[in-house]
Protein backbone atom coordinates (compact mmCIF):
# COMPACT_ATOMS: atom_id res chain seq x y z
CA UNK A 1 45.56 -24.33 44.42
CA UNK A 2 43.06 -24.26 41.48
CA UNK A 3 42.19 -27.54 39.83
CA UNK A 4 41.90 -27.59 35.99
CA UNK A 5 38.79 -29.20 34.90
CA UNK A 6 38.73 -31.48 31.84
CA UNK A 7 37.44 -30.02 28.60
CA UNK A 8 34.25 -32.09 28.69
CA UNK A 9 33.54 -30.83 32.23
CA UNK A 10 34.12 -27.21 31.23
CA UNK A 11 31.68 -27.60 28.32
CA UNK A 12 29.09 -29.10 30.60
CA UNK A 13 29.44 -26.25 33.12
CA UNK A 14 29.04 -23.68 30.38
CA UNK A 15 25.90 -25.28 29.15
CA UNK A 16 24.49 -25.49 32.67
CA UNK A 17 25.28 -21.79 33.23
CA UNK A 18 23.61 -20.96 29.84
CA UNK A 19 20.45 -22.91 30.82
CA UNK A 20 20.22 -21.12 34.15
CA UNK A 21 20.48 -17.60 32.51
CA UNK A 22 17.21 -15.73 31.99
CA UNK A 23 15.75 -15.88 28.47
CA UNK A 24 16.51 -12.87 26.39
CA UNK A 25 13.88 -12.07 23.75
CA UNK A 26 15.29 -10.61 20.45
CA UNK A 27 13.24 -8.03 18.67
CA UNK A 28 10.89 -8.94 15.87
CA UNK A 29 12.34 -6.99 12.88
CA UNK A 30 9.82 -5.61 10.37
CA UNK A 31 11.35 -3.79 7.48
CA UNK A 32 10.02 -1.28 4.91
CA UNK A 33 11.75 -0.31 1.70
CA UNK A 34 9.87 2.55 0.10
CA UNK A 35 10.16 6.01 -1.33
CA UNK A 36 10.91 8.64 1.30
CA UNK A 37 12.32 11.07 -1.27
CA UNK A 38 11.32 11.80 -4.92
CA UNK A 39 7.79 12.21 -6.48
CA UNK A 40 6.24 9.40 -4.48
CA UNK A 41 7.73 10.33 -1.05
CA UNK A 42 4.33 11.55 0.10
CA UNK A 43 2.93 8.00 -0.32
CA UNK A 44 5.95 6.24 1.23
CA UNK A 45 5.92 8.49 4.27
CA UNK A 46 2.26 8.23 4.78
CA UNK A 47 2.40 4.40 4.71
CA UNK A 48 5.36 4.38 7.08
CA UNK A 49 3.56 6.70 9.43
CA UNK A 50 0.45 4.56 9.52
CA UNK A 51 2.33 1.32 10.02
CA UNK A 52 4.51 2.95 12.81
CA UNK A 53 1.38 4.08 14.55
CA UNK A 54 0.16 0.48 15.16
CA UNK A 55 3.62 -0.87 15.72
CA UNK A 56 4.21 1.71 18.53
CA UNK A 57 0.88 0.76 20.06
CA UNK A 58 1.69 -2.97 20.04
CA UNK A 59 5.14 -2.26 21.65
CA UNK A 60 3.41 -0.21 24.29
CA UNK A 61 1.22 -3.14 25.15
CA UNK A 62 4.14 -5.49 25.52
CA UNK A 63 4.84 -6.59 21.93
CA UNK A 64 4.09 -9.98 20.23
CA UNK A 65 4.57 -12.78 22.82
CA UNK A 66 6.73 -10.44 24.85
CA UNK A 67 8.91 -9.46 21.85
CA UNK A 68 9.06 -5.90 20.74
CA UNK A 69 8.80 -4.98 17.09
CA UNK A 70 11.72 -3.17 15.67
CA UNK A 71 10.76 -1.10 12.58
CA UNK A 72 13.60 -0.51 10.23
CA UNK A 73 13.38 1.41 6.76
CA UNK A 74 15.34 2.26 3.62
CA UNK A 75 14.59 4.86 1.02
CA UNK A 76 14.41 3.51 -2.56
CA UNK A 77 13.14 6.80 -4.00
CA UNK A 78 10.86 4.39 -5.96
CA UNK A 79 13.66 3.20 -8.18
CA UNK A 80 13.08 -0.53 -8.93
CA UNK A 81 16.81 -1.39 -8.92
CA UNK A 82 17.19 0.30 -5.57
CA UNK A 83 14.21 -1.58 -4.12
CA UNK A 84 15.83 -4.85 -4.93
CA UNK A 85 19.24 -3.81 -3.69
CA UNK A 86 17.95 -2.48 -0.46
CA UNK A 87 15.70 -5.38 0.28
CA UNK A 88 18.62 -7.72 -0.11
CA UNK A 89 20.72 -5.46 1.98
CA UNK A 90 18.01 -5.24 4.73
CA UNK A 91 17.50 -9.05 4.79
CA UNK A 92 21.41 -9.61 5.14
CA UNK A 93 21.94 -6.97 7.79
CA UNK A 94 18.66 -6.87 9.82
CA UNK A 95 17.24 -10.29 9.30
CA UNK A 96 13.61 -9.12 9.20
CA UNK A 97 10.85 -11.57 10.10
CA UNK A 98 8.60 -9.66 7.61
CA UNK A 99 8.47 -6.70 5.16
CA UNK A 100 5.71 -4.14 4.87
CA UNK A 101 4.55 -1.31 2.56
CA UNK A 102 6.86 -1.28 -0.47
CA UNK A 103 5.25 1.20 -2.86
CA UNK A 104 4.70 0.78 -6.60
CA UNK A 105 3.87 -1.97 -9.05
CA UNK A 106 7.14 -1.75 -11.02
CA UNK A 107 9.10 -1.95 -7.77
CA UNK A 108 7.24 -4.95 -6.48
CA UNK A 109 7.47 -6.57 -9.91
CA UNK A 110 11.27 -6.18 -9.78
CA UNK A 111 11.32 -7.93 -6.44
CA UNK A 112 9.16 -10.74 -7.93
CA UNK A 113 11.52 -11.14 -10.92
CA UNK A 114 14.56 -11.25 -8.76
CA UNK A 115 13.01 -13.92 -6.46
CA UNK A 116 14.54 -12.72 -3.30
CA UNK A 117 11.44 -13.09 -1.18
CA UNK A 118 10.94 -16.66 -2.25
CA UNK A 119 14.66 -17.46 -1.78
CA UNK A 120 14.70 -16.11 1.72
CA UNK A 121 11.21 -17.11 2.83
CA UNK A 122 10.50 -13.53 3.82
CA UNK A 123 6.93 -12.29 3.10
CA UNK A 124 5.61 -8.80 2.62
CA UNK A 125 2.19 -7.82 4.16
CA UNK A 126 0.77 -4.58 2.80
CA UNK A 127 2.43 -4.55 -0.57
CA UNK A 128 1.22 -1.21 -2.06
CA UNK A 129 -0.23 -2.30 -5.32
CA UNK A 130 -3.46 -3.79 -6.62
CA UNK A 131 -1.92 -5.01 -9.98
CA UNK A 132 -2.72 -8.60 -11.02
CA UNK A 133 0.97 -9.40 -11.23
CA UNK A 134 1.44 -8.59 -7.58
CA UNK A 135 -1.71 -10.40 -6.42
CA UNK A 136 -0.38 -13.54 -8.07
CA UNK A 137 3.15 -13.21 -6.73
CA UNK A 138 4.41 -15.41 -4.02
CA UNK A 139 5.38 -13.62 -0.78
CA UNK A 140 3.46 -10.43 -1.52
CA UNK A 141 0.08 -9.57 0.13
CA UNK A 142 -1.73 -6.36 -0.49
CA UNK A 143 -4.57 -5.45 2.00
CA UNK A 144 -7.04 -4.16 -0.54
CA UNK A 145 -8.96 -4.85 -3.70
CA UNK A 146 -7.23 -5.11 -7.03
CA UNK A 147 -7.01 -2.36 -9.60
CA UNK A 148 -9.09 -4.48 -11.99
CA UNK A 149 -11.87 -4.60 -9.41
CA UNK A 150 -11.70 -0.81 -8.95
CA UNK A 151 -11.96 -0.16 -12.67
CA UNK A 152 -14.69 -2.76 -13.19
CA UNK A 153 -16.87 -1.29 -10.53
CA UNK A 154 -16.28 2.32 -11.73
CA UNK A 155 -17.11 1.58 -15.37
CA UNK A 156 -20.16 -0.39 -14.43
CA UNK A 157 -21.38 2.57 -12.51
CA UNK A 158 -20.54 5.02 -15.40
CA UNK A 159 -22.56 2.73 -17.78
CA UNK A 160 -25.52 2.95 -15.32
CA UNK A 161 -25.21 6.68 -15.32
CA UNK A 162 -25.15 6.88 -19.04
CA UNK A 163 -21.64 8.57 -19.09
CA UNK A 164 -20.27 6.64 -21.92
CA UNK A 165 -17.52 8.75 -23.42
CA UNK A 166 -14.51 7.94 -21.25
CA UNK A 167 -10.83 8.78 -21.56
CA UNK A 168 -7.87 7.37 -19.56
CA UNK A 169 -4.77 9.14 -18.38
CA UNK A 170 -2.32 6.58 -17.05
CA UNK A 171 1.14 6.16 -15.64
CA UNK A 172 3.12 4.30 -18.27
CA UNK A 173 4.36 1.32 -16.12
CA UNK A 174 3.02 -1.82 -14.51
CA UNK A 175 0.45 0.15 -12.47
CA UNK A 176 -0.98 2.27 -15.33
CA UNK A 177 -0.81 -0.47 -17.94
CA UNK A 178 -2.66 -2.93 -15.59
CA UNK A 179 -5.42 -0.32 -14.99
CA UNK A 180 -5.58 0.53 -18.68
CA UNK A 181 -6.10 -3.11 -19.59
CA UNK A 182 -8.90 -3.30 -17.06
CA UNK A 183 -10.45 -0.09 -18.54
CA UNK A 184 -10.35 -1.58 -21.98
CA UNK A 185 -11.99 -4.79 -20.91
CA UNK A 186 -14.67 -3.14 -18.72
CA UNK A 187 -15.51 -0.54 -21.42
CA UNK A 188 -16.51 -3.40 -23.71
CA UNK A 189 -18.50 -5.08 -21.01
CA UNK A 190 -20.49 -1.94 -20.05
CA UNK A 191 -20.93 -0.34 -23.42
CA UNK A 192 -18.52 2.56 -22.90
CA UNK A 193 -16.39 4.16 -25.61
CA UNK A 194 -12.63 4.91 -24.78
CA UNK A 195 -12.33 8.12 -26.70
CA UNK A 196 -8.75 8.77 -25.79
CA UNK A 197 -5.94 7.19 -23.67
CA UNK A 198 -2.72 9.04 -22.86
CA UNK A 199 0.24 7.97 -20.83
CA UNK A 200 2.96 9.95 -18.95
CA UNK A 201 6.39 8.82 -17.87
CA UNK A 202 6.75 7.01 -14.55
CA UNK A 203 8.02 8.93 -11.46
CA UNK A 204 7.27 12.32 -13.30
CA UNK A 205 4.47 14.90 -13.54
CA UNK A 206 4.95 15.37 -17.16
CA UNK A 207 1.29 15.41 -18.13
CA UNK A 208 1.19 18.37 -20.63
CA UNK A 209 0.54 16.00 -23.68
CA UNK A 210 -2.31 14.24 -21.79
CA UNK A 211 -3.92 17.58 -20.88
CA UNK A 212 -3.83 18.60 -24.52
CA UNK A 213 -5.32 15.33 -25.66
CA UNK A 214 -8.20 15.29 -23.14
CA UNK A 215 -9.10 18.92 -23.96
CA UNK A 216 -9.17 18.07 -27.64
CA UNK A 217 -11.28 14.89 -27.26
CA UNK A 218 -13.86 16.36 -24.80
CA UNK A 219 -14.85 13.05 -22.94
CA UNK A 220 -17.62 12.86 -20.37
CA UNK A 221 -15.28 11.36 -17.85
CA UNK A 222 -11.54 11.14 -17.43
CA UNK A 223 -10.23 8.11 -15.41
CA UNK A 224 -6.94 8.91 -13.71
CA UNK A 225 -4.71 5.82 -13.34
CA UNK A 226 -2.16 8.14 -11.91
CA UNK A 227 -0.11 8.64 -8.72
CA UNK A 228 -0.85 11.57 -6.40
CA UNK A 229 1.68 14.19 -7.79
CA UNK A 230 0.78 13.53 -11.30
CA UNK A 231 -3.05 13.53 -10.61
CA UNK A 232 -2.62 17.00 -8.88
CA UNK A 233 -0.70 18.40 -11.76
CA UNK A 234 -3.05 17.03 -14.37
CA UNK A 235 -6.21 18.37 -12.52
CA UNK A 236 -4.66 21.78 -12.08
CA UNK A 237 -3.56 22.16 -15.74
CA UNK A 238 -6.66 20.56 -17.16
CA UNK A 239 -8.87 23.04 -15.27
CA UNK A 240 -6.69 25.87 -16.44
CA UNK A 241 -7.10 24.76 -19.97
CA UNK A 242 -10.83 24.88 -19.73
CA UNK A 243 -11.49 21.21 -19.35
CA UNK A 244 -15.00 20.17 -18.13
CA UNK A 245 -14.98 16.48 -17.90
CA UNK A 246 -15.61 14.77 -14.65
CA UNK A 247 -12.46 13.42 -13.08
CA UNK A 248 -12.24 10.06 -11.41
CA UNK A 249 -9.13 8.96 -9.64
CA UNK A 250 -7.88 5.59 -8.38
CA UNK A 251 -7.61 4.82 -4.68
CA UNK A 252 -3.87 5.30 -4.77
CA UNK A 253 -4.31 9.02 -5.00
CA UNK A 254 -3.83 10.82 -1.69
CA UNK A 255 -7.08 12.96 -1.73
CA UNK A 256 -6.03 14.97 1.28
CA UNK A 257 -2.88 16.07 -0.55
CA UNK A 258 -4.98 16.93 -3.55
CA UNK A 259 -7.37 18.96 -1.52
CA UNK A 260 -4.56 20.80 0.31
CA UNK A 261 -2.74 21.64 -2.99
CA UNK A 262 -5.83 22.67 -5.14
CA UNK A 263 -8.00 24.03 -2.39
CA UNK A 264 -11.64 23.17 -1.78
CA UNK A 265 -13.20 25.15 -4.63
CA UNK A 266 -10.92 23.68 -7.35
CA UNK A 267 -11.00 20.15 -5.88
CA UNK A 268 -14.81 20.19 -5.72
CA UNK A 269 -16.32 17.37 -7.87
CA UNK A 270 -13.13 15.19 -7.89
CA UNK A 271 -14.45 11.65 -7.45
CA UNK A 272 -12.34 8.66 -6.48
CA UNK A 273 -12.42 4.96 -5.60
CA UNK A 274 -12.25 3.74 -2.03
CA UNK A 275 -10.78 0.33 -1.34
CA UNK A 276 -10.19 0.79 2.43
CA UNK A 277 -12.43 2.34 5.07
CA UNK A 278 -12.11 6.10 5.24
CA UNK A 279 -11.48 8.08 8.43
CA UNK A 280 -15.15 9.12 8.57
CA UNK A 281 -16.34 5.53 9.01
CA UNK A 282 -16.65 5.64 12.77
CA UNK A 283 -18.72 2.39 12.71
CA UNK A 284 -15.43 0.65 11.96
CA UNK A 285 -13.18 -0.32 14.99
CA UNK A 286 -9.98 -0.02 12.82
CA UNK A 287 -10.95 3.57 11.98
CA UNK A 288 -11.73 4.40 15.63
CA UNK A 289 -8.24 2.97 16.72
CA UNK A 290 -6.53 4.85 13.90
CA UNK A 291 -8.10 8.28 14.83
CA UNK A 292 -7.42 7.78 18.59
CA UNK A 293 -3.82 6.95 18.06
CA UNK A 294 -3.16 9.47 15.30
CA UNK A 295 -4.61 12.31 17.38
CA UNK A 296 -2.15 11.44 20.17
CA UNK A 297 0.77 10.92 17.86
CA UNK A 298 0.43 14.31 15.98
CA UNK A 299 2.71 12.91 13.26
CA UNK A 300 2.75 15.40 10.32
CA UNK A 301 3.29 12.48 7.84
CA UNK A 302 -0.08 10.99 8.61
CA UNK A 303 -2.53 11.44 5.80
CA UNK A 304 -5.38 9.62 4.04
CA UNK A 305 -3.00 7.01 2.68
CA UNK A 306 -1.69 6.28 6.18
CA UNK A 307 -4.73 4.04 6.98
CA UNK A 308 -3.38 1.51 4.45
CA UNK A 309 -0.11 1.21 6.38
CA UNK A 310 -2.05 0.95 9.61
CA UNK A 311 -4.31 -1.81 8.41
CA UNK A 312 -1.18 -3.71 6.98
CA UNK A 313 0.56 -3.44 10.36
CA UNK A 314 -2.59 -4.73 12.11
CA UNK A 315 -2.87 -7.70 9.69
CA UNK A 316 0.81 -8.45 10.00
CA UNK A 317 0.59 -8.50 13.83
CA UNK A 318 -2.35 -10.86 13.67
CA UNK A 319 -0.45 -13.14 11.41
CA UNK A 320 2.71 -12.98 13.70
CA UNK A 321 0.51 -13.94 16.73
CA UNK A 322 -0.65 -17.13 14.87
CA UNK A 323 2.66 -18.12 13.46
CA UNK A 324 5.72 -19.97 14.80
CA UNK A 325 8.64 -17.52 15.31
CA UNK A 326 10.67 -16.40 12.38
CA UNK A 327 10.22 -15.44 8.75
CA UNK A 328 9.64 -19.03 7.55
CA UNK A 329 6.89 -19.50 10.16
CA UNK A 330 5.08 -16.33 9.04
CA UNK A 331 5.38 -17.29 5.36
CA UNK A 332 3.93 -20.78 6.08
CA UNK A 333 0.85 -19.16 7.83
CA UNK A 334 0.23 -16.82 4.95
CA UNK A 335 0.67 -19.27 2.18
CA UNK A 336 -1.48 -22.01 3.79
CA UNK A 337 -4.37 -19.46 3.99
CA UNK A 338 -5.01 -16.90 6.73
CA UNK A 339 -8.24 -14.96 7.37
CA UNK A 340 -8.63 -11.98 9.81
CA UNK A 341 -10.86 -9.06 10.57
CA UNK A 342 -8.72 -6.03 11.54
CA UNK A 343 -11.74 -4.14 13.00
CA UNK A 344 -14.40 -3.92 10.12
CA UNK A 345 -12.11 -4.68 7.31
CA UNK A 346 -11.87 -8.40 6.45
CA UNK A 347 -8.87 -9.92 4.75
CA UNK A 348 -8.18 -13.17 3.31
CA UNK A 349 -4.67 -14.17 2.55
CA UNK A 350 -3.32 -17.15 0.49
CA UNK A 351 -1.41 -18.00 -2.72
CA UNK A 352 -2.70 -15.80 -5.60
CA UNK A 353 -5.81 -14.76 -3.76
CA UNK A 354 -7.35 -11.31 -3.74
CA UNK A 355 -7.27 -10.27 -0.06
CA UNK A 356 -10.45 -8.00 -0.43
CA UNK A 357 -13.18 -7.06 -2.88
CA UNK A 358 -14.26 -4.00 -0.98
CA UNK A 359 -14.74 -1.07 -3.50
CA UNK A 360 -16.73 2.13 -2.85
CA UNK A 361 -16.79 5.71 -4.35
CA UNK A 362 -16.74 9.13 -3.02
CA UNK A 363 -16.57 12.76 -4.28
CA UNK A 364 -15.16 16.07 -2.74
CA UNK A 365 -18.09 18.33 -2.12
CA UNK A 366 -18.56 22.00 -0.92
CA UNK A 367 -15.67 22.98 1.42
CA UNK A 368 -13.73 19.75 0.68
CA UNK A 369 -16.33 17.62 2.50
CA UNK A 370 -16.47 13.92 1.46
CA UNK A 371 -19.64 12.82 -0.06
CA UNK A 372 -20.52 9.21 -0.80
């Protein structure tokens, strides 16, 4: 004969059984919404590959406090409206503790305007932009110096070299306009003359008008506030048209992709900003870690831009280790102010604070060799 237990007794028994069960650790979900198709796919894939490299290493070591990191991604083709939609979808379906590596100033500005990160208390570490609008946005944390800092350092150097006739080719969106505003301000400060400025449509490589304008104006230097595909197209067509100005690209340009597309001879002399350590800086622990893991991974999507994703993932893991579990705990840590050194690259996070001021320059030399 089986005795029926009163409801209160059954509830107590269930609670005792639950308490006796072994603890189950849910995954820490980290999400990335970025372009894996379209003109900026090369950047989105590179950032993803770099972040995954460190996430896989952390999981192999046992995760964060025994919790594995689950890395989920969505392809926004760098369309701002898709970025917002997919971030909302990801938060609803996957409940990420954090986001990482969304690419593009306009895409990040769309998220800022929508307010979804603030409303859900989900933060993004490694937002791929150095625009002022992103540095001052709540919940978004780049891992490099600002575009304005890049431009200021470059124009100061050009002034010291006596190369005063400068032109700007820029992507006509938040990225390019922010860099252009910085160029206009820095030109006045350092006695340079902006002899021409020409924009091209976002998410395209329609640079024909810019090529014609630059050939006509014959500047000493052309500053490319452009993305990788457009920078490659401009460089190729400008050279074919007989252009002779020195070309300086922003740090967002994947120099390995440019070198591969143009070849060592045509790419020779292309100069660019550095806002993160490069893979020849073996004195930096973060670079040694990256090279060791990337050699073993043999991921074809790894490129010069991947180190940014790798550094972002390292910084995120450090922040997770110092936060109470969950998205709100991570956001509180970051907003309160959080400093970390990810192995030779120091970062300071906080509300509206530039995470880094590191800016350097390099040029492609003979045989594609990097020269500082």
